[in-house]
């Protein structure tokens, strides 16, 4: 018996991809809720995104150094 769907889409993002997606959506929410002007929202969204990604890299390096 064959399955009803001949193929399945499996999403298995890496840890970095998951963190980047979290950073994108969280930055959007932060920008919309914390700033009133569109220009300010865009700038604050990019700022939050940069901080999130910078934090991911910093945490990665810290874990690498602690492991040794």
C-alpha atoms as a PDB file:
ATOM      1  CA  UNK A   1       0.000   0.000   0.000  1.00  0.00           C
ATOM      2  CA  UNK A   2       1.397   3.345  -1.003  1.00  0.00           C
ATOM      3  CA  UNK A   3       1.160   6.416   1.107  1.00  0.00           C
ATOM      4  CA  UNK A   4      -1.352   9.052   0.142  1.00  0.00           C
ATOM      5  CA  UNK A   5       1.413  11.655  -0.110  1.00  0.00           C
ATOM      6  CA  UNK A   6       4.324  10.494  -2.302  1.00  0.00           C
ATOM      7  CA  UNK A   7       6.854  12.758  -0.582  1.00  0.00           C
ATOM      8  CA  UNK A   8       7.219  14.552   2.689  1.00  0.00           C
ATOM      9  CA  UNK A   9       8.834  17.884   3.397  1.00  0.00           C
ATOM     10  CA  UNK A  10      11.066  17.657   6.422  1.00  0.00           C
ATOM     11  CA  UNK A  11      12.401  20.835   7.965  1.00  0.00           C
ATOM     12  CA  UNK A  12      15.454  20.178  10.085  1.00  0.00           C
ATOM     13  CA  UNK A  13      17.197  23.520  10.585  1.00  0.00           C
ATOM     14  CA  UNK A  14      20.583  23.744  12.238  1.00  0.00           C
ATOM     15  CA  UNK A  15      20.985  25.430  15.594  1.00  0.00           C
ATOM     16  CA  UNK A  16      22.235  28.584  13.900  1.00  0.00           C
ATOM     17  CA  UNK A  17      19.297  28.680  11.489  1.00  0.00           C
ATOM     18  CA  UNK A  18      16.856  28.245  14.360  1.00  0.00           C
ATOM     19  CA  UNK A  19      18.579  31.030  16.322  1.00  0.00           C
ATOM     20  CA  UNK A  20      18.554  33.303  13.248  1.00  0.00           C
ATOM     21  CA  UNK A  21      14.828  32.712  12.676  1.00  0.00           C
ATOM     22  CA  UNK A  22      14.156  33.433  16.336  1.00  0.00           C
ATOM     23  CA  UNK A  23      16.236  36.616  16.057  1.00  0.00           C
ATOM     24  CA  UNK A  24      14.338  37.777  12.965  1.00  0.00           C
ATOM     25  CA  UNK A  25      10.864  37.315  14.399  1.00  0.00           C
ATOM     26  CA  UNK A  26      11.758  38.597  17.861  1.00  0.00           C
ATOM     27  CA  UNK A  27      13.442  41.675  16.396  1.00  0.00           C
ATOM     28  CA  UNK A  28      10.334  42.419  14.342  1.00  0.00           C
ATOM     29  CA  UNK A  29       8.119  42.193  17.415  1.00  0.00           C
ATOM     30  CA  UNK A  30      10.502  44.297  19.501  1.00  0.00           C
ATOM     31  CA  UNK A  31      10.697  46.965  16.798  1.00  0.00           C
ATOM     32  CA  UNK A  32       6.929  47.190  16.373  1.00  0.00           C
ATOM     33  CA  UNK A  33       6.183  47.311  20.083  1.00  0.00           C
ATOM     34  CA  UNK A  34       9.029  49.561  21.240  1.00  0.00           C
ATOM     35  CA  UNK A  35       9.245  52.294  18.566  1.00  0.00           C
ATOM     36  CA  UNK A  36       6.565  54.470  16.978  1.00  0.00           C
ATOM     37  CA  UNK A  37       8.040  55.740  13.680  1.00  0.00           C
ATOM     38  CA  UNK A  38       8.706  53.453  10.732  1.00  0.00           C
ATOM     39  CA  UNK A  39      12.315  54.598  10.346  1.00  0.00           C
ATOM     40  CA  UNK A  40      12.924  54.090  14.066  1.00  0.00           C
ATOM     41  CA  UNK A  41      11.299  50.657  13.924  1.00  0.00           C
ATOM     42  CA  UNK A  42      13.554  49.533  11.073  1.00  0.00           C
ATOM     43  CA  UNK A  43      16.697  50.820  12.776  1.00  0.00           C
ATOM     44  CA  UNK A  44      15.751  49.252  16.116  1.00  0.00           C
ATOM     45  CA  UNK A  45      14.836  45.959  14.422  1.00  0.00           C
ATOM     46  CA  UNK A  46      18.236  45.741  12.738  1.00  0.00           C
ATOM     47  CA  UNK A  47      19.912  46.722  16.006  1.00  0.00           C
ATOM     48  CA  UNK A  48      18.122  43.952  17.926  1.00  0.00           C
ATOM     49  CA  UNK A  49      18.872  41.440  15.181  1.00  0.00           C
ATOM     50  CA  UNK A  50      22.571  42.327  15.272  1.00  0.00           C
ATOM     51  CA  UNK A  51      22.630  41.951  19.052  1.00  0.00           C
ATOM     52  CA  UNK A  52      20.918  38.550  18.869  1.00  0.00           C
ATOM     53  CA  UNK A  53      23.302  37.223  16.217  1.00  0.00           C
ATOM     54  CA  UNK A  54      26.294  38.730  18.032  1.00  0.00           C
ATOM     55  CA  UNK A  55      25.123  36.987  21.195  1.00  0.00           C
ATOM     56  CA  UNK A  56      24.885  33.677  19.338  1.00  0.00           C
ATOM     57  CA  UNK A  57      28.461  34.015  18.098  1.00  0.00           C
ATOM     58  CA  UNK A  58      29.710  35.103  21.532  1.00  0.00           C
ATOM     59  CA  UNK A  59      27.968  32.179  23.227  1.00  0.00           C
ATOM     60  CA  UNK A  60      29.383  29.803  20.610  1.00  0.00           C
ATOM     61  CA  UNK A  61      32.941  31.010  21.185  1.00  0.00           C
ATOM     62  CA  UNK A  62      32.463  30.871  24.953  1.00  0.00           C
ATOM     63  CA  UNK A  63      31.233  27.284  24.777  1.00  0.00           C
ATOM     64  CA  UNK A  64      34.163  26.381  22.521  1.00  0.00           C
ATOM     65  CA  UNK A  65      36.645  27.862  24.978  1.00  0.00           C
ATOM     66  CA  UNK A  66      34.992  26.224  27.991  1.00  0.00           C
ATOM     67  CA  UNK A  67      35.037  22.836  26.295  1.00  0.00           C
ATOM     68  CA  UNK A  68      38.822  22.822  25.915  1.00  0.00           C
END
